[in-house]
PDB file of N, CA and C in Angstrom:
ATOM      1  N   LYS A   1      31.049  36.543 -15.294  1.00  0.00           N
ATOM      2  CA  LYS A   1      31.194  37.162 -16.568  1.00  0.00           C
ATOM      3  C   LYS A   1      32.904  37.467 -16.782  1.00  0.00           C
ATOM      4  N   ASP A   2      33.410  37.996 -15.728  1.00  0.00           N
ATOM      5  CA  ASP A   2      34.678  38.336 -16.048  1.00  0.00           C
ATOM      6  C   ASP A   2      35.696  37.286 -15.764  1.00  0.00           C
ATOM      7  N   LEU A   3      35.278  36.100 -15.154  1.00  0.00           N
ATOM      8  CA  LEU A   3      36.218  34.900 -15.101  1.00  0.00           C
ATOM      9  C   LEU A   3      36.006  34.091 -16.385  1.00  0.00           C
ATOM     10  N   PRO A   4      37.292  33.406 -16.622  1.00  0.00           N
ATOM     11  CA  PRO A   4      37.045  32.431 -17.774  1.00  0.00           C
ATOM     12  C   PRO A   4      36.579  31.255 -17.588  1.00  0.00           C
ATOM     13  N   TYR A   5      36.313  30.905 -16.152  1.00  0.00           N
ATOM     14  CA  TYR A   5      35.826  29.463 -15.903  1.00  0.00           C
ATOM     15  C   TYR A   5      34.483  29.592 -15.071  1.00  0.00           C
ATOM     16  N   LEU A   6      33.559  28.788 -15.283  1.00  0.00           N
ATOM     17  CA  LEU A   6      32.239  28.878 -14.438  1.00  0.00           C
ATOM     18  C   LEU A   6      32.149  27.474 -13.776  1.00  0.00           C
ATOM     19  N   GLY A   7      31.477  27.449 -12.576  1.00  0.00           N
ATOM     20  CA  GLY A   7      31.196  26.130 -12.026  1.00  0.00           C
ATOM     21  C   GLY A   7      29.661  25.909 -12.278  1.00  0.00           C
ATOM     22  N   ILE A   8      29.357  24.562 -12.483  1.00  0.00           N
ATOM     23  CA  ILE A   8      27.899  24.087 -12.736  1.00  0.00           C
ATOM     24  C   ILE A   8      27.785  23.099 -11.599  1.00  0.00           C
ATOM     25  N   SER A   9      26.823  23.344 -10.724  1.00  0.00           N
ATOM     26  CA  SER A   9      26.452  22.361  -9.714  1.00  0.00           C
ATOM     27  C   SER A   9      25.117  22.010  -9.879  1.00  0.00           C
ATOM     28  N   VAL A  10      24.915  20.580 -10.120  1.00  0.00           N
ATOM     29  CA  VAL A  10      23.698  20.015 -10.305  1.00  0.00           C
ATOM     30  C   VAL A  10      22.851  19.845  -8.942  1.00  0.00           C
ATOM     31  N   LEU A  11      21.701  20.571  -8.745  1.00  0.00           N
ATOM     32  CA  LEU A  11      20.939  20.466  -7.568  1.00  0.00           C
ATOM     33  C   LEU A  11      19.911  19.412  -7.773  1.00  0.00           C
ATOM     34  N   GLY A  12      19.609  18.812  -6.537  1.00  0.00           N
ATOM     35  CA  GLY A  12      18.667  17.778  -6.455  1.00  0.00           C
ATOM     36  C   GLY A  12      17.505  18.328  -5.682  1.00  0.00           C
ATOM     37  N   GLU A  13      16.485  17.322  -5.391  1.00  0.00           N
ATOM     38  CA  GLU A  13      15.304  17.672  -4.628  1.00  0.00           C
ATOM     39  C   GLU A  13      15.620  18.264  -3.314  1.00  0.00           C
ATOM     40  N   SER A  14      16.668  18.009  -2.615  1.00  0.00           N
ATOM     41  CA  SER A  14      17.031  18.594  -1.247  1.00  0.00           C
ATOM     42  C   SER A  14      17.504  19.900  -1.279  1.00  0.00           C
ATOM     43  N   HIS A  15      17.562  20.496  -2.459  1.00  0.00           N
ATOM     44  CA  HIS A  15      18.330  21.726  -2.602  1.00  0.00           C
ATOM     45  C   HIS A  15      17.155  23.024  -2.833  1.00  0.00           C
ATOM     46  N   ASP A  16      15.926  22.682  -2.558  1.00  0.00           N
ATOM     47  CA  ASP A  16      14.910  23.859  -2.872  1.00  0.00           C
ATOM     48  C   ASP A  16      15.336  25.104  -2.213  1.00  0.00           C
ATOM     49  N   GLU A  17      15.822  25.227  -0.945  1.00  0.00           N
ATOM     50  CA  GLU A  17      16.302  26.639  -0.650  1.00  0.00           C
ATOM     51  C   GLU A  17      17.345  27.153  -1.268  1.00  0.00           C
ATOM     52  N   ALA A  18      18.545  26.195  -1.587  1.00  0.00           N
ATOM     53  CA  ALA A  18      19.707  26.748  -2.316  1.00  0.00           C
ATOM     54  C   ALA A  18      19.204  27.254  -3.775  1.00  0.00           C
ATOM     55  N   ALA A  19      18.299  26.645  -4.366  1.00  0.00           N
ATOM     56  CA  ALA A  19      17.708  27.151  -5.687  1.00  0.00           C
ATOM     57  C   ALA A  19      17.019  28.410  -5.504  1.00  0.00           C
ATOM     58  N   ARG A  20      16.210  28.676  -4.478  1.00  0.00           N
ATOM     59  CA  ARG A  20      15.527  29.882  -4.388  1.00  0.00           C
ATOM     60  C   ARG A  20      16.652  31.058  -4.094  1.00  0.00           C
ATOM     61  N   THR A  21      17.527  30.764  -3.381  1.00  0.00           N
ATOM     62  CA  THR A  21      18.515  31.740  -2.923  1.00  0.00           C
ATOM     63  C   THR A  21      19.313  32.123  -4.322  1.00  0.00           C
ATOM     64  N   LEU A  22      19.767  31.125  -4.994  1.00  0.00           N
ATOM     65  CA  LEU A  22      20.492  31.504  -6.367  1.00  0.00           C
ATOM     66  C   LEU A  22      19.615  32.053  -7.329  1.00  0.00           C
ATOM     67  N   ALA A  23      18.405  31.961  -7.286  1.00  0.00           N
ATOM     68  CA  ALA A  23      17.445  32.503  -8.355  1.00  0.00           C
ATOM     69  C   ALA A  23      17.230  34.032  -7.803  1.00  0.00           C
ATOM     70  N   ALA A  24      17.475  34.492  -6.643  1.00  0.00           N
ATOM     71  CA  ALA A  24      17.126  35.869  -6.402  1.00  0.00           C
ATOM     72  C   ALA A  24      17.733  36.768  -7.227  1.00  0.00           C
ATOM     73  N   LYS A  25      16.983  37.935  -7.537  1.00  0.00           N
ATOM     74  CA  LYS A  25      17.384  38.960  -8.550  1.00  0.00           C
ATOM     75  C   LYS A  25      18.214  40.051  -7.830  1.00  0.00           C
ATOM     76  N   THR A  26      18.187  39.881  -6.459  1.00  0.00           N
ATOM     77  CA  THR A  26      19.078  41.145  -5.897  1.00  0.00           C
ATOM     78  C   THR A  26      19.740  40.483  -4.687  1.00  0.00           C
ATOM     79  N   GLY A  27      20.973  41.223  -4.149  1.00  0.00           N
ATOM     80  CA  GLY A  27      21.650  40.716  -3.100  1.00  0.00           C
ATOM     81  C   GLY A  27      22.703  39.624  -3.330  1.00  0.00           C
ATOM     82  N   ASP A  28      23.270  39.113  -2.499  1.00  0.00           N
ATOM     83  CA  ASP A  28      24.547  38.159  -2.521  1.00  0.00           C
ATOM     84  C   ASP A  28      23.865  36.772  -2.657  1.00  0.00           C
ATOM     85  N   ARG A  29      23.624  36.194  -3.981  1.00  0.00           N
ATOM     86  CA  ARG A  29      23.101  34.887  -4.230  1.00  0.00           C
ATOM     87  C   ARG A  29      23.745  33.766  -3.609  1.00  0.00           C
ATOM     88  N   PHE A  30      24.986  33.891  -3.176  1.00  0.00           N
ATOM     89  CA  PHE A  30      25.835  32.936  -2.606  1.00  0.00           C
ATOM     90  C   PHE A  30      25.725  32.908  -1.065  1.00  0.00           C
ATOM     91  N   ALA A  31      25.116  34.012  -0.505  1.00  0.00           N
ATOM     92  CA  ALA A  31      25.122  34.196   1.051  1.00  0.00           C
ATOM     93  C   ALA A  31      24.335  32.920   1.591  1.00  0.00           C
ATOM     94  N   GLY A  32      25.089  32.291   2.591  1.00  0.00           N
ATOM     95  CA  GLY A  32      24.642  31.311   3.334  1.00  0.00           C
ATOM     96  C   GLY A  32      24.650  29.951   2.722  1.00  0.00           C
ATOM     97  N   LEU A  33      25.309  29.872   1.495  1.00  0.00           N
ATOM     98  CA  LEU A  33      25.722  28.692   0.897  1.00  0.00           C
ATOM     99  C   LEU A  33      27.100  28.325   1.080  1.00  0.00           C
ATOM    100  N   GLU A  34      27.187  26.973   1.330  1.00  0.00           N
ATOM    101  CA  GLU A  34      28.616  26.558   1.397  1.00  0.00           C
ATOM    102  C   GLU A  34      29.266  26.152  -0.011  1.00  0.00           C
ATOM    103  N   THR A  35      30.359  26.758  -0.208  1.00  0.00           N
ATOM    104  CA  THR A  35      30.728  26.849  -1.641  1.00  0.00           C
ATOM    105  C   THR A  35      32.244  26.328  -1.680  1.00  0.00           C
ATOM    106  N   ALA A  36      32.764  25.924  -2.768  1.00  0.00           N
ATOM    107  CA  ALA A  36      34.229  25.694  -3.084  1.00  0.00           C
ATOM    108  C   ALA A  36      34.729  26.264  -4.360  1.00  0.00           C
ATOM    109  N   SER A  37      35.820  26.568  -4.536  1.00  0.00           N
ATOM    110  CA  SER A  37      36.275  27.152  -5.718  1.00  0.00           C
ATOM    111  C   SER A  37      37.291  26.366  -6.444  1.00  0.00           C
ATOM    112  N   SER A  38      37.483  26.189  -7.570  1.00  0.00           N
ATOM    113  CA  SER A  38      38.570  25.413  -8.318  1.00  0.00           C
ATOM    114  C   SER A  38      39.638  26.367  -8.277  1.00  0.00           C
ATOM    115  N   ASP A  39      40.865  25.890  -8.777  1.00  0.00           N
ATOM    116  CA  ASP A  39      42.028  26.525  -8.997  1.00  0.00           C
ATOM    117  C   ASP A  39      41.863  27.573 -10.101  1.00  0.00           C
ATOM    118  N   ARG A  40      40.919  27.412 -10.956  1.00  0.00           N
ATOM    119  CA  ARG A  40      40.810  28.383 -12.018  1.00  0.00           C
ATOM    120  C   ARG A  40      39.524  29.295 -11.610  1.00  0.00           C
ATOM    121  N   GLY A  41      38.960  29.366 -10.500  1.00  0.00           N
ATOM    122  CA  GLY A  41      38.054  30.244 -10.063  1.00  0.00           C
ATOM    123  C   GLY A  41      36.518  29.872 -10.169  1.00  0.00           C
ATOM    124  N   ALA A  42      36.262  28.555 -10.582  1.00  0.00           N
ATOM    125  CA  ALA A  42      34.978  28.251 -10.899  1.00  0.00           C
ATOM    126  C   ALA A  42      34.415  27.949  -9.388  1.00  0.00           C
ATOM    127  N   VAL A  43      33.124  28.328  -9.195  1.00  0.00           N
ATOM    128  CA  VAL A  43      32.609  28.320  -7.973  1.00  0.00           C
ATOM    129  C   VAL A  43      31.491  27.201  -7.942  1.00  0.00           C
ATOM    130  N   PHE A  44      31.536  26.240  -6.845  1.00  0.00           N
ATOM    131  CA  PHE A  44      30.641  25.111  -6.777  1.00  0.00           C
ATOM    132  C   PHE A  44      29.796  25.012  -5.378  1.00  0.00           C
ATOM    133  N   ILE A  45      28.651  24.483  -5.584  1.00  0.00           N
ATOM    134  CA  ILE A  45      27.775  24.422  -4.305  1.00  0.00           C
ATOM    135  C   ILE A  45      28.224  23.006  -3.587  1.00  0.00           C
ATOM    136  N   HIS A  46      28.593  23.011  -2.270  1.00  0.00           N
ATOM    137  CA  HIS A  46      28.656  21.857  -1.627  1.00  0.00           C
ATOM    138  C   HIS A  46      27.518  20.963  -1.458  1.00  0.00           C
ATOM    139  N   GLY A  47      27.396  19.678  -1.321  1.00  0.00           N
ATOM    140  CA  GLY A  47      26.304  18.843  -1.390  1.00  0.00           C
ATOM    141  C   GLY A  47      25.539  18.622  -2.501  1.00  0.00           C
ATOM    142  N   THR A  48      25.929  18.960  -3.639  1.00  0.00           N
ATOM    143  CA  THR A  48      25.298  18.732  -5.000  1.00  0.00           C
ATOM    144  C   THR A  48      26.014  17.422  -5.391  1.00  0.00           C
ATOM    145  N   SER A  49      25.333  16.728  -6.427  1.00  0.00           N
ATOM    146  CA  SER A  49      25.487  15.565  -6.934  1.00  0.00           C
ATOM    147  C   SER A  49      26.751  15.483  -7.930  1.00  0.00           C
ATOM    148  N   VAL A  50      26.723  16.587  -8.571  1.00  0.00           N
ATOM    149  CA  VAL A  50      27.745  16.663  -9.631  1.00  0.00           C
ATOM    150  C   VAL A  50      28.309  18.215  -9.806  1.00  0.00           C
ATOM    151  N   TRP A  51      29.707  18.237 -10.016  1.00  0.00           N
ATOM    152  CA  TRP A  51      30.223  19.566 -10.236  1.00  0.00           C
ATOM    153  C   TRP A  51      30.901  19.358 -11.530  1.00  0.00           C
ATOM    154  N   LEU A  52      30.569  20.472 -12.309  1.00  0.00           N
ATOM    155  CA  LEU A  52      31.277  20.535 -13.760  1.00  0.00           C
ATOM    156  C   LEU A  52      31.853  21.892 -13.897  1.00  0.00           C
ATOM    157  N   GLU A  53      33.122  21.888 -14.297  1.00  0.00           N
ATOM    158  CA  GLU A  53      33.980  23.065 -14.515  1.00  0.00           C
ATOM    159  C   GLU A  53      33.938  23.298 -15.988  1.00  0.00           C
ATOM    160  N   SER A  54      33.529  24.679 -16.317  1.00  0.00           N
ATOM    161  CA  SER A  54      33.382  24.891 -17.781  1.00  0.00           C
ATOM    162  C   SER A  54      34.073  26.174 -18.099  1.00  0.00           C
ATOM    163  N   SER A  55      34.370  26.351 -19.260  1.00  0.00           N
ATOM    164  CA  SER A  55      35.004  27.655 -19.719  1.00  0.00           C
ATOM    165  C   SER A  55      34.105  28.348 -20.664  1.00  0.00           C
ATOM    166  N   ILE A  56      34.210  29.531 -20.940  1.00  0.00           N
ATOM    167  CA  ILE A  56      33.218  30.342 -21.571  1.00  0.00           C
ATOM    168  C   ILE A  56      33.773  30.274 -23.133  1.00  0.00           C
ATOM    169  N   GLU A  57      32.912  29.621 -23.963  1.00  0.00           N
ATOM    170  CA  GLU A  57      33.400  29.342 -25.340  1.00  0.00           C
ATOM    171  C   GLU A  57      32.927  30.573 -26.207  1.00  0.00           C
ATOM    172  N   GLN A  58      31.739  31.104 -25.875  1.00  0.00           N
ATOM    173  CA  GLN A  58      31.222  32.280 -26.815  1.00  0.00           C
ATOM    174  C   GLN A  58      30.119  32.858 -25.957  1.00  0.00           C
ATOM    175  N   THR A  59      30.081  34.329 -26.214  1.00  0.00           N
ATOM    176  CA  THR A  59      28.902  35.090 -25.599  1.00  0.00           C
ATOM    177  C   THR A  59      28.255  35.686 -26.892  1.00  0.00           C
ATOM    178  N   ILE A  60      26.816  35.783 -26.741  1.00  0.00           N
ATOM    179  CA  ILE A  60      26.126  36.164 -27.736  1.00  0.00           C
ATOM    180  C   ILE A  60      24.983  37.177 -27.359  1.00  0.00           C
ATOM    181  N   GLN A  61      24.902  38.454 -27.907  1.00  0.00           N
ATOM    182  CA  GLN A  61      24.031  39.432 -27.386  1.00  0.00           C
ATOM    183  C   GLN A  61      22.731  38.920 -28.083  1.00  0.00           C
ATOM    184  N   ALA A  62      21.543  39.055 -27.087  1.00  0.00           N
ATOM    185  CA  ALA A  62      20.393  38.702 -27.612  1.00  0.00           C
ATOM    186  C   ALA A  62      19.404  39.659 -26.911  1.00  0.00           C
ATOM    187  N   GLY A  63      19.230  40.819 -27.517  1.00  0.00           N
ATOM    188  CA  GLY A  63      18.362  42.027 -26.906  1.00  0.00           C
ATOM    189  C   GLY A  63      18.985  42.381 -25.659  1.00  0.00           C
ATOM    190  N   ASP A  64      18.284  42.374 -24.567  1.00  0.00           N
ATOM    191  CA  ASP A  64      18.892  42.771 -23.326  1.00  0.00           C
ATOM    192  C   ASP A  64      19.454  41.504 -22.359  1.00  0.00           C
ATOM    193  N   HIS A  65      19.677  40.499 -23.143  1.00  0.00           N
ATOM    194  CA  HIS A  65      20.219  39.335 -22.454  1.00  0.00           C
ATOM    195  C   HIS A  65      21.703  38.992 -23.224  1.00  0.00           C
ATOM    196  N   ILE A  66      22.546  38.304 -22.422  1.00  0.00           N
ATOM    197  CA  ILE A  66      23.505  37.622 -23.164  1.00  0.00           C
ATOM    198  C   ILE A  66      23.527  36.161 -22.895  1.00  0.00           C
ATOM    199  N   ILE A  67      23.663  35.452 -23.988  1.00  0.00           N
ATOM    200  CA  ILE A  67      23.480  33.859 -24.076  1.00  0.00           C
ATOM    201  C   ILE A  67      25.112  33.599 -23.891  1.00  0.00           C
ATOM    202  N   VAL A  68      25.375  32.670 -22.937  1.00  0.00           N
ATOM    203  CA  VAL A  68      26.773  32.159 -22.838  1.00  0.00           C
ATOM    204  C   VAL A  68      26.822  30.591 -23.242  1.00  0.00           C
ATOM    205  N   VAL A  69      27.668  30.387 -24.151  1.00  0.00           N
ATOM    206  CA  VAL A  69      27.832  28.933 -24.572  1.00  0.00           C
ATOM    207  C   VAL A  69      29.121  28.506 -23.917  1.00  0.00           C
ATOM    208  N   LEU A  70      29.031  27.458 -23.262  1.00  0.00           N
ATOM    209  CA  LEU A  70      30.173  26.955 -22.451  1.00  0.00           C
ATOM    210  C   LEU A  70      30.633  25.561 -23.024  1.00  0.00           C
ATOM    211  N   ARG A  71      31.908  25.505 -22.648  1.00  0.00           N
ATOM    212  CA  ARG A  71      32.736  24.186 -22.947  1.00  0.00           C
ATOM    213  C   ARG A  71      32.823  23.551 -21.814  1.00  0.00           C
ATOM    214  N   VAL A  72      32.323  22.241 -21.655  1.00  0.00           N
ATOM    215  CA  VAL A  72      32.372  21.348 -20.305  1.00  0.00           C
ATOM    216  C   VAL A  72      33.611  20.338 -20.616  1.00  0.00           C
TER     217      VAL A  72
END
């Protein structure tokens, strides 16, 4: 949320465990995952088929959620 760039890693069928780890509601969701960071601070998961670096275009309050619109 505080960084201007976000990494999007496209997970495949072989990434079931990584998907469960990233979906956790508590703890370090990146613990045990091999990651890489771009020069702009976006974080990516190694071994995924596609990495997309995106910037935050807009944030929208929606009740107790925040919707983030990204520019890829």
